[in-house]
């Protein structure tokens, strides 16, 4: 007996309400990003592994433990993307888009990480991603945050979201801070996890992101980066916060919010919630002015963010979200000789963006019951008399009324329902 085929662990199929909810989130994101002049962009799901090795660093958990990487048939190491930004920047460089700056790019799609599946965190998950490439002004940080919050508001979950924000300073600030962290964590070197011991000399900022409980306890006494800001860094962050105030955006300063990678600088932010248990992060982002040069390009400032679609969907379901179901217009021919006549009507209506279901076979009563079960608003009948008069019989199911109409009259009467 053949084993039953199933999806891989942590990779879910999307049907019915789940699919509708994901589609609604993406459509809403497309609508809101357009208000901020973002253009659509799509990069391959599969990239050379070095795209992520170079950007995420081989000591990161993503690279060492979570990335799906393998050799293809030509012996090249390739990987399923674990995040969007590196692929977007690779595409920016390889397509020679430097002459089109500034660029605002909106993307969405699946992302892959080998992690323990749980609610809101799958091995294949989906993200909304926005990148603002080419602007080094504090306002672009604030506008990116405003865009994300605008989307969360449109999805009716903003009330359950907290914006946490911090500044990572400039390169000089980070150098001073990393030295302070090394001095601090060296006192506890024997108590650190093996991963944090490896990071201590080269990537001490990553210890602040450690998931090890003892590392977290030790990190509570670590110095804050704010104590090492240069005048430039402090002025930049003050401007960002000033713009957030102008935009009436509430925020929570989180001095422990960090990014362990050297290409990040200045603003870092996360959108958190207490509605999803331990999975409290819905998304986040920040400024990454040094990424383009790290990947072989020139110095190009950039800021961006990502939002997890599964977590957005979970929050919307907690708010009792229900998709707006709009039943199609049901077409029922009376007699086989009327089938072609009703099929031509279906083609005409679909051309004008009216969803149509044709019920060609079976007893008329049974076909009507199917329309009623689908909560249809209208049924259109056509029999020999209608063919003779080039008309249709439109039944309004809510009013229990009928009208004899032409195809154009039918369209005029129902289009307000569907448009």
Protein backbone atom coordinates (compact mmCIF):
# COMPACT_ATOMS: atom_id res chain seq x y z
CA UNK A 1 0.00 0.00 0.00
CA UNK A 2 1.39 3.40 -0.98
CA UNK A 3 2.22 5.79 1.87
CA UNK A 4 -0.12 8.74 2.08
CA UNK A 5 1.51 11.86 0.65
CA UNK A 6 1.67 14.77 3.04
CA UNK A 7 3.22 18.24 3.08
CA UNK A 8 6.58 18.69 4.78
CA UNK A 9 6.54 19.52 8.47
CA UNK A 10 6.12 23.25 8.98
CA UNK A 11 4.94 23.88 5.41
CA UNK A 12 1.21 24.43 5.29
CA UNK A 13 -1.29 24.30 2.46
CA UNK A 14 -3.54 27.34 2.12
CA UNK A 15 -7.18 26.89 1.16
CA UNK A 16 -10.53 28.57 1.65
CA UNK A 17 -10.54 31.14 4.50
CA UNK A 18 -6.77 30.91 5.11
CA UNK A 19 -6.06 31.65 1.46
CA UNK A 20 -8.60 34.49 1.40
CA UNK A 21 -7.08 36.04 4.52
CA UNK A 22 -3.53 35.87 3.14
CA UNK A 23 -4.74 37.36 -0.15
CA UNK A 24 -6.56 40.14 1.69
CA UNK A 25 -3.42 41.06 3.65
CA UNK A 26 -1.32 41.16 0.46
CA UNK A 27 -3.94 43.16 -1.46
CA UNK A 28 -4.21 45.62 1.43
CA UNK A 29 -0.42 45.97 1.59
CA UNK A 30 -0.30 46.60 -2.16
CA UNK A 31 -2.95 49.32 -1.79
CA UNK A 32 -1.29 51.06 1.17
CA UNK A 33 2.25 50.92 -0.22
CA UNK A 34 0.99 52.53 -3.43
CA UNK A 35 -0.07 55.56 -1.35
CA UNK A 36 3.60 55.96 -0.42
CA UNK A 37 4.75 55.54 -4.06
CA UNK A 38 6.20 52.04 -3.68
CA UNK A 39 6.65 49.89 -6.79
CA UNK A 40 6.29 46.13 -6.92
CA UNK A 41 9.40 43.95 -7.05
CA UNK A 42 9.96 40.21 -7.05
CA UNK A 43 13.21 38.30 -6.62
CA UNK A 44 13.82 34.53 -6.90
CA UNK A 45 13.07 32.29 -3.97
CA UNK A 46 16.36 30.51 -4.67
CA UNK A 47 19.68 32.42 -4.51
CA UNK A 48 23.35 31.53 -4.31
CA UNK A 49 24.10 30.76 -0.67
CA UNK A 50 26.84 33.41 -0.62
CA UNK A 51 24.15 36.11 -0.96
CA UNK A 52 23.10 35.27 2.59
CA UNK A 53 26.48 34.10 3.95
CA UNK A 54 27.92 37.51 3.14
CA UNK A 55 25.05 39.50 4.59
CA UNK A 56 23.87 37.47 7.58
CA UNK A 57 27.27 36.19 8.62
CA UNK A 58 28.25 32.56 9.08
CA UNK A 59 28.00 32.84 12.87
CA UNK A 60 24.33 33.82 12.86
CA UNK A 61 21.67 31.32 13.90
CA UNK A 62 19.99 31.76 10.51
CA UNK A 63 23.10 30.65 8.60
CA UNK A 64 24.37 28.00 11.01
CA UNK A 65 21.09 26.40 12.05
CA UNK A 66 18.06 27.56 10.07
CA UNK A 67 18.86 28.10 6.38
CA UNK A 68 17.80 25.58 3.74
CA UNK A 69 20.97 25.34 1.64
CA UNK A 70 22.17 22.57 -0.65
CA UNK A 71 24.30 21.84 -3.73
CA UNK A 72 22.50 21.97 -7.06
CA UNK A 73 23.32 19.65 -9.97
CA UNK A 74 26.21 21.80 -11.09
CA UNK A 75 27.75 21.73 -7.63
CA UNK A 76 26.83 25.32 -6.74
CA UNK A 77 25.68 26.01 -3.19
CA UNK A 78 22.20 27.54 -3.32
CA UNK A 79 19.67 28.43 -0.64
CA UNK A 80 15.98 29.10 -0.19
CA UNK A 81 15.75 32.70 0.92
CA UNK A 82 15.63 33.09 4.72
CA UNK A 83 14.77 36.82 4.41
CA UNK A 84 14.04 39.41 1.72
CA UNK A 85 16.51 42.27 2.10
CA UNK A 86 19.65 40.49 0.88
CA UNK A 87 17.89 39.29 -2.29
CA UNK A 88 16.45 42.74 -2.98
CA UNK A 89 19.88 44.35 -2.60
CA UNK A 90 21.48 41.67 -4.78
CA UNK A 91 18.88 42.42 -7.45
CA UNK A 92 19.46 46.17 -7.06
CA UNK A 93 23.18 45.72 -7.74
CA UNK A 94 23.01 43.05 -10.46
CA UNK A 95 20.34 44.94 -12.42
CA UNK A 96 22.27 48.21 -12.31
CA UNK A 97 19.49 50.19 -10.64
CA UNK A 98 21.82 52.76 -9.06
CA UNK A 99 20.79 55.30 -11.70
CA UNK A 100 17.14 55.07 -10.62
CA UNK A 101 17.56 56.16 -7.02
CA UNK A 102 15.69 56.69 -4.83
CA UNK A 103 13.71 53.45 -5.11
CA UNK A 104 10.79 52.30 -3.01
CA UNK A 105 10.19 48.57 -3.49
CA UNK A 106 7.32 46.42 -2.21
CA UNK A 107 7.60 42.61 -2.17
CA UNK A 108 5.76 39.67 -0.71
CA UNK A 109 6.11 35.91 -0.76
CA UNK A 110 7.41 32.82 1.01
CA UNK A 111 10.52 32.69 3.19
CA UNK A 112 12.15 29.55 4.58
CA UNK A 113 13.81 28.76 7.89
CA UNK A 114 14.39 25.37 9.48
CA UNK A 115 12.97 26.00 12.93
CA UNK A 116 10.60 24.29 15.32
CA UNK A 117 7.11 24.90 13.90
CA UNK A 118 4.52 26.55 16.13
CA UNK A 119 1.59 28.92 15.80
CA UNK A 120 2.63 31.87 13.67
CA UNK A 121 6.05 30.41 12.91
CA UNK A 122 6.31 27.83 10.16
CA UNK A 123 9.30 26.57 8.17
CA UNK A 124 7.76 28.12 5.11
CA UNK A 125 6.21 31.41 6.13
CA UNK A 126 5.24 34.54 4.24
CA UNK A 127 6.22 38.16 4.53
CA UNK A 128 5.31 41.65 3.42
CA UNK A 129 8.55 43.50 2.67
CA UNK A 130 9.27 47.17 1.96
CA UNK A 131 12.66 48.69 1.11
CA UNK A 132 13.42 52.41 0.67
CA UNK A 133 16.77 52.51 -1.12
CA UNK A 134 18.74 55.69 -1.76
CA UNK A 135 17.61 58.02 1.00
CA UNK A 136 19.77 58.72 4.04
CA UNK A 137 17.42 61.25 5.60
CA UNK A 138 15.83 60.70 9.04
CA UNK A 139 12.40 61.33 7.52
CA UNK A 140 12.67 58.18 5.39
CA UNK A 141 13.00 56.14 8.61
CA UNK A 142 9.90 57.79 10.04
CA UNK A 143 7.97 57.38 6.79
CA UNK A 144 8.82 53.67 6.67
CA UNK A 145 7.51 53.25 10.19
CA UNK A 146 4.39 55.25 9.34
CA UNK A 147 3.78 53.05 6.30
CA UNK A 148 3.94 49.88 8.40
CA UNK A 149 1.60 51.34 11.02
CA UNK A 150 -0.80 52.54 8.31
CA UNK A 151 -1.01 48.97 7.03
CA UNK A 152 -1.56 47.58 10.54
CA UNK A 153 -4.32 50.14 11.06
CA UNK A 154 -5.97 49.17 7.78
CA UNK A 155 -5.92 45.53 8.95
CA UNK A 156 -7.64 46.66 12.18
CA UNK A 157 -4.92 45.34 14.51
CA UNK A 158 -2.96 48.52 15.31
CA UNK A 159 -4.55 48.81 18.77
CA UNK A 160 -2.78 45.59 19.77
CA UNK A 161 0.64 46.65 18.45
CA UNK A 162 3.49 48.41 20.25
CA UNK A 163 6.20 50.17 18.24
CA UNK A 164 9.56 49.62 19.95
CA UNK A 165 12.44 51.73 18.69
CA UNK A 166 16.14 52.30 19.33
CA UNK A 167 19.17 53.74 17.58
CA UNK A 168 22.23 51.65 16.79
CA UNK A 169 24.27 54.79 16.18
CA UNK A 170 26.86 55.30 13.46
CA UNK A 171 29.93 53.14 12.87
CA UNK A 172 31.95 55.07 15.44
CA UNK A 173 29.20 54.60 18.02
CA UNK A 174 29.02 50.88 17.33
CA UNK A 175 32.80 50.46 17.59
CA UNK A 176 32.84 52.09 21.00
CA UNK A 177 29.82 50.09 22.11
CA UNK A 178 31.20 46.76 20.90
CA UNK A 179 34.38 47.40 22.88
CA UNK A 180 32.27 48.10 25.98
CA UNK A 181 30.28 44.89 25.45
CA UNK A 182 33.46 42.83 25.10
CA UNK A 183 34.75 44.26 28.36
CA UNK A 184 31.43 43.51 30.08
CA UNK A 185 30.76 40.00 28.75
CA UNK A 186 34.40 38.92 29.23
CA UNK A 187 33.75 38.97 32.97
CA UNK A 188 31.11 36.26 32.45
CA UNK A 189 32.82 34.33 29.65
CA UNK A 190 32.78 31.00 31.49
CA UNK A 191 29.02 31.32 32.10
CA UNK A 192 28.04 32.20 28.51
CA UNK A 193 26.57 29.65 26.10
CA UNK A 194 28.94 28.13 23.55
CA UNK A 195 27.43 30.27 20.78
CA UNK A 196 27.91 33.47 22.77
CA UNK A 197 31.48 32.54 23.64
CA UNK A 198 32.23 32.35 19.91
CA UNK A 199 30.59 35.73 19.32
CA UNK A 200 32.26 37.49 22.22
CA UNK A 201 35.35 38.80 20.39
CA UNK A 202 33.94 39.55 16.94
CA UNK A 203 30.14 39.91 17.24
CA UNK A 204 29.35 40.85 20.86
CA UNK A 205 26.12 42.59 19.79
CA UNK A 206 24.70 39.20 18.87
CA UNK A 207 24.92 38.10 22.49
CA UNK A 208 22.13 40.61 23.18
CA UNK A 209 19.91 38.57 20.80
CA UNK A 210 20.78 35.22 22.39
CA UNK A 211 17.88 32.88 23.08
CA UNK A 212 19.78 31.16 25.89
CA UNK A 213 18.10 31.98 29.21
CA UNK A 214 21.38 32.38 31.11
CA UNK A 215 22.77 34.66 28.39
CA UNK A 216 19.63 36.78 28.69
CA UNK A 217 20.12 37.03 32.44
CA UNK A 218 23.74 38.12 32.05
CA UNK A 219 22.80 40.63 29.31
CA UNK A 220 20.44 42.51 31.63
CA UNK A 221 23.45 44.23 33.20
CA UNK A 222 25.18 45.09 29.91
CA UNK A 223 25.79 48.75 29.05
CA UNK A 224 23.37 50.61 26.77
CA UNK A 225 24.38 51.81 23.32
CA UNK A 226 22.82 55.22 24.04
CA UNK A 227 25.79 55.93 26.33
CA UNK A 228 28.10 55.69 23.30
CA UNK A 229 26.27 57.80 20.71
CA UNK A 230 28.31 60.35 18.86
CA UNK A 231 26.83 63.83 18.44
CA UNK A 232 25.89 62.84 14.86
CA UNK A 233 24.10 59.68 16.01
CA UNK A 234 22.13 61.46 18.72
CA UNK A 235 21.10 64.26 16.34
CA UNK A 236 19.93 61.73 13.74
CA UNK A 237 17.83 59.77 16.24
CA UNK A 238 16.34 62.94 17.72
CA UNK A 239 15.19 63.94 14.22
CA UNK A 240 13.58 60.54 13.64
CA UNK A 241 11.70 60.76 16.94
CA UNK A 242 10.70 64.34 16.11
CA UNK A 243 9.13 63.19 12.85
CA UNK A 244 7.29 60.39 14.68
CA UNK A 245 5.87 63.03 17.04
CA UNK A 246 4.74 65.15 14.08
CA UNK A 247 3.00 62.07 12.65
CA UNK A 248 1.32 61.37 16.02
CA UNK A 249 3.00 58.00 16.30
CA UNK A 250 3.25 56.44 19.75
CA UNK A 251 6.47 54.57 20.44
CA UNK A 252 8.35 52.88 23.24
CA UNK A 253 12.10 53.42 23.54
CA UNK A 254 13.77 50.03 23.93
CA UNK A 255 17.48 50.48 24.73
CA UNK A 256 18.05 46.72 24.37
CA UNK A 257 16.74 46.53 20.81
CA UNK A 258 19.79 45.64 18.71
CA UNK A 259 20.93 44.26 15.39
CA UNK A 260 24.04 42.07 15.45
CA UNK A 261 25.16 42.79 11.89
CA UNK A 262 27.65 45.53 11.03
CA UNK A 263 25.73 46.91 8.05
CA UNK A 264 22.88 48.14 10.29
CA UNK A 265 23.06 51.66 11.68
CA UNK A 266 20.90 54.35 13.28
CA UNK A 267 17.20 53.45 13.54
CA UNK A 268 16.04 49.94 14.50
CA UNK A 269 12.41 49.15 15.25
CA UNK A 270 10.04 46.28 15.96
CA UNK A 271 6.27 45.86 16.08
CA UNK A 272 5.35 43.72 19.08
CA UNK A 273 2.14 42.40 20.62
CA UNK A 274 1.05 40.59 23.75
CA UNK A 275 -1.72 38.74 21.88
CA UNK A 276 0.40 35.90 20.43
CA UNK A 277 2.08 34.45 23.50
CA UNK A 278 5.83 33.95 23.18
CA UNK A 279 5.74 34.96 19.51
CA UNK A 280 5.51 38.65 20.34
CA UNK A 281 7.16 40.11 17.23
CA UNK A 282 4.88 40.80 14.27
CA UNK A 283 7.64 42.42 12.23
CA UNK A 284 10.46 44.89 12.30
CA UNK A 285 13.10 46.72 10.38
CA UNK A 286 15.72 49.41 10.40
CA UNK A 287 18.38 51.31 8.53
CA UNK A 288 21.15 49.40 6.74
CA UNK A 289 23.38 51.96 5.01
CA UNK A 290 26.39 49.65 4.67
CA UNK A 291 24.75 46.59 3.08
CA UNK A 292 25.10 47.62 -0.57
CA UNK A 293 28.86 48.11 -0.32
CA UNK A 294 29.24 44.86 1.63
CA UNK A 295 27.59 43.04 -1.29
CA UNK A 296 29.91 44.55 -3.89
CA UNK A 297 28.07 47.73 -4.74
CA UNK A 298 28.70 51.33 -3.77
CA UNK A 299 27.70 53.25 -0.65
CA UNK A 300 23.89 53.46 -0.85
CA UNK A 301 21.77 54.33 2.20
CA UNK A 302 18.62 52.27 2.76
CA UNK A 303 15.90 51.52 5.28
CA UNK A 304 13.19 48.86 5.27
CA UNK A 305 10.96 46.49 7.20
CA UNK A 306 9.21 43.14 7.01
CA UNK A 307 5.92 41.91 8.46
CA UNK A 308 4.99 38.26 8.94
CA UNK A 309 1.75 37.44 7.15
CA UNK A 310 0.95 34.41 9.34
CA UNK A 311 1.23 36.50 12.49
CA UNK A 312 -0.84 39.31 11.00
CA UNK A 313 -3.47 36.71 10.08
CA UNK A 314 -3.51 35.26 13.61
CA UNK A 315 -4.05 38.71 15.08
CA UNK A 316 -6.86 39.44 12.62
CA UNK A 317 -8.57 36.17 13.54
CA UNK A 318 -8.34 37.13 17.21
CA UNK A 319 -10.25 40.28 16.21
CA UNK A 320 -12.93 38.02 14.67
CA UNK A 321 -12.02 38.92 11.11
CA UNK A 322 -14.33 37.39 8.53
CA UNK A 323 -13.79 37.62 4.81
CA UNK A 324 -16.50 39.36 2.88
CA UNK A 325 -18.15 36.59 0.94
CA UNK A 326 -19.84 37.74 -2.24
CA UNK A 327 -21.71 34.93 -3.93
CA UNK A 328 -21.58 34.81 -7.73
CA UNK A 329 -24.51 35.51 -10.00
CA UNK A 330 -26.16 32.16 -10.73
CA UNK A 331 -27.23 31.42 -14.32
CA UNK A 332 -29.73 28.59 -14.90
CA UNK A 333 -30.89 27.58 -18.41
CA UNK A 334 -34.30 25.92 -18.65
CA UNK A 335 -33.80 23.17 -21.21
CA UNK A 336 -30.74 21.97 -23.08
CA UNK A 337 -31.51 24.21 -26.07
CA UNK A 338 -30.89 27.27 -23.82
CA UNK A 339 -27.40 26.30 -22.66
CA UNK A 340 -25.48 28.14 -25.41
CA UNK A 341 -27.65 31.20 -24.89
CA UNK A 342 -26.82 31.32 -21.16
CA UNK A 343 -23.12 30.58 -21.79
CA UNK A 344 -22.87 33.67 -24.03
CA UNK A 345 -24.43 35.74 -21.22
CA UNK A 346 -21.85 34.38 -18.76
CA UNK A 347 -19.05 35.45 -21.09
CA UNK A 348 -20.56 38.95 -21.43
CA UNK A 349 -20.90 39.39 -17.64
CA UNK A 350 -17.43 38.10 -16.81
CA UNK A 351 -15.99 40.52 -19.35
CA UNK A 352 -17.57 43.25 -17.22
CA UNK A 353 -16.07 41.82 -13.98
CA UNK A 354 -19.19 40.06 -12.68
CA UNK A 355 -18.50 36.69 -10.98
CA UNK A 356 -20.72 34.04 -12.54
CA UNK A 357 -21.64 30.44 -11.72
CA UNK A 358 -23.42 28.43 -14.43
CA UNK A 359 -25.58 25.51 -13.40
CA UNK A 360 -26.30 23.64 -16.64
CA UNK A 361 -27.47 20.22 -15.47
CA UNK A 362 -29.91 18.76 -12.98
CA UNK A 363 -33.40 19.55 -11.80
CA UNK A 364 -34.14 23.27 -11.70
CA UNK A 365 -35.14 23.06 -8.04
CA UNK A 366 -31.85 21.42 -7.09
CA UNK A 367 -29.91 24.08 -9.00
CA UNK A 368 -31.85 26.83 -7.24
CA UNK A 369 -31.13 25.22 -3.86
CA UNK A 370 -27.41 25.36 -4.61
CA UNK A 371 -27.65 29.12 -5.29
CA UNK A 372 -29.60 29.63 -2.07
CA UNK A 373 -27.05 27.61 -0.07
CA UNK A 374 -24.33 29.87 -1.48
CA UNK A 375 -26.32 32.89 -0.26
CA UNK A 376 -26.64 34.27 -3.78
CA UNK A 377 -28.42 37.58 -4.29
CA UNK A 378 -29.63 36.82 -7.81
CA UNK A 379 -30.53 33.98 -10.15
CA UNK A 380 -30.90 34.47 -13.90
CA UNK A 381 -33.15 32.07 -15.83
CA UNK A 382 -33.44 31.62 -19.57
CA UNK A 383 -35.91 29.39 -21.39
CA UNK A 384 -37.43 29.23 -24.85
CA UNK A 385 -39.50 32.40 -24.31
CA UNK A 386 -36.40 34.37 -23.27
CA UNK A 387 -34.47 33.23 -26.32
CA UNK A 388 -37.41 34.27 -28.51
CA UNK A 389 -37.49 37.79 -26.97
CA UNK A 390 -33.71 38.07 -26.54
CA UNK A 391 -34.16 38.63 -22.81
CA UNK A 392 -33.49 37.07 -19.40
CA UNK A 393 -35.50 36.58 -16.23
CA UNK A 394 -33.72 38.11 -13.23
CA UNK A 395 -34.87 36.94 -9.81
CA UNK A 396 -33.99 39.06 -6.74
CA UNK A 397 -33.71 36.48 -3.99
CA UNK A 398 -33.86 38.97 -1.13
CA UNK A 399 -37.05 40.63 -2.44
CA UNK A 400 -38.53 37.52 -4.06
CA UNK A 401 -39.21 39.58 -7.19
CA UNK A 402 -38.52 38.97 -10.88
CA UNK A 403 -37.84 41.25 -13.83
CA UNK A 404 -37.50 40.54 -17.52
CA UNK A 405 -34.38 42.33 -18.75
CA UNK A 406 -31.91 42.54 -21.62
CA UNK A 407 -28.27 41.62 -21.05
CA UNK A 408 -27.30 45.29 -20.69
CA UNK A 409 -30.18 46.04 -18.32
CA UNK A 410 -29.16 43.03 -16.26
CA UNK A 411 -25.58 44.33 -16.02
CA UNK A 412 -26.76 47.82 -15.03
CA UNK A 413 -28.99 46.42 -12.26
CA UNK A 414 -26.42 44.15 -10.60
CA UNK A 415 -23.05 45.85 -11.11
CA UNK A 416 -23.45 48.02 -8.03
CA UNK A 417 -23.44 44.81 -5.97
CA UNK A 418 -20.15 43.60 -7.38
CA UNK A 419 -18.21 46.84 -7.91
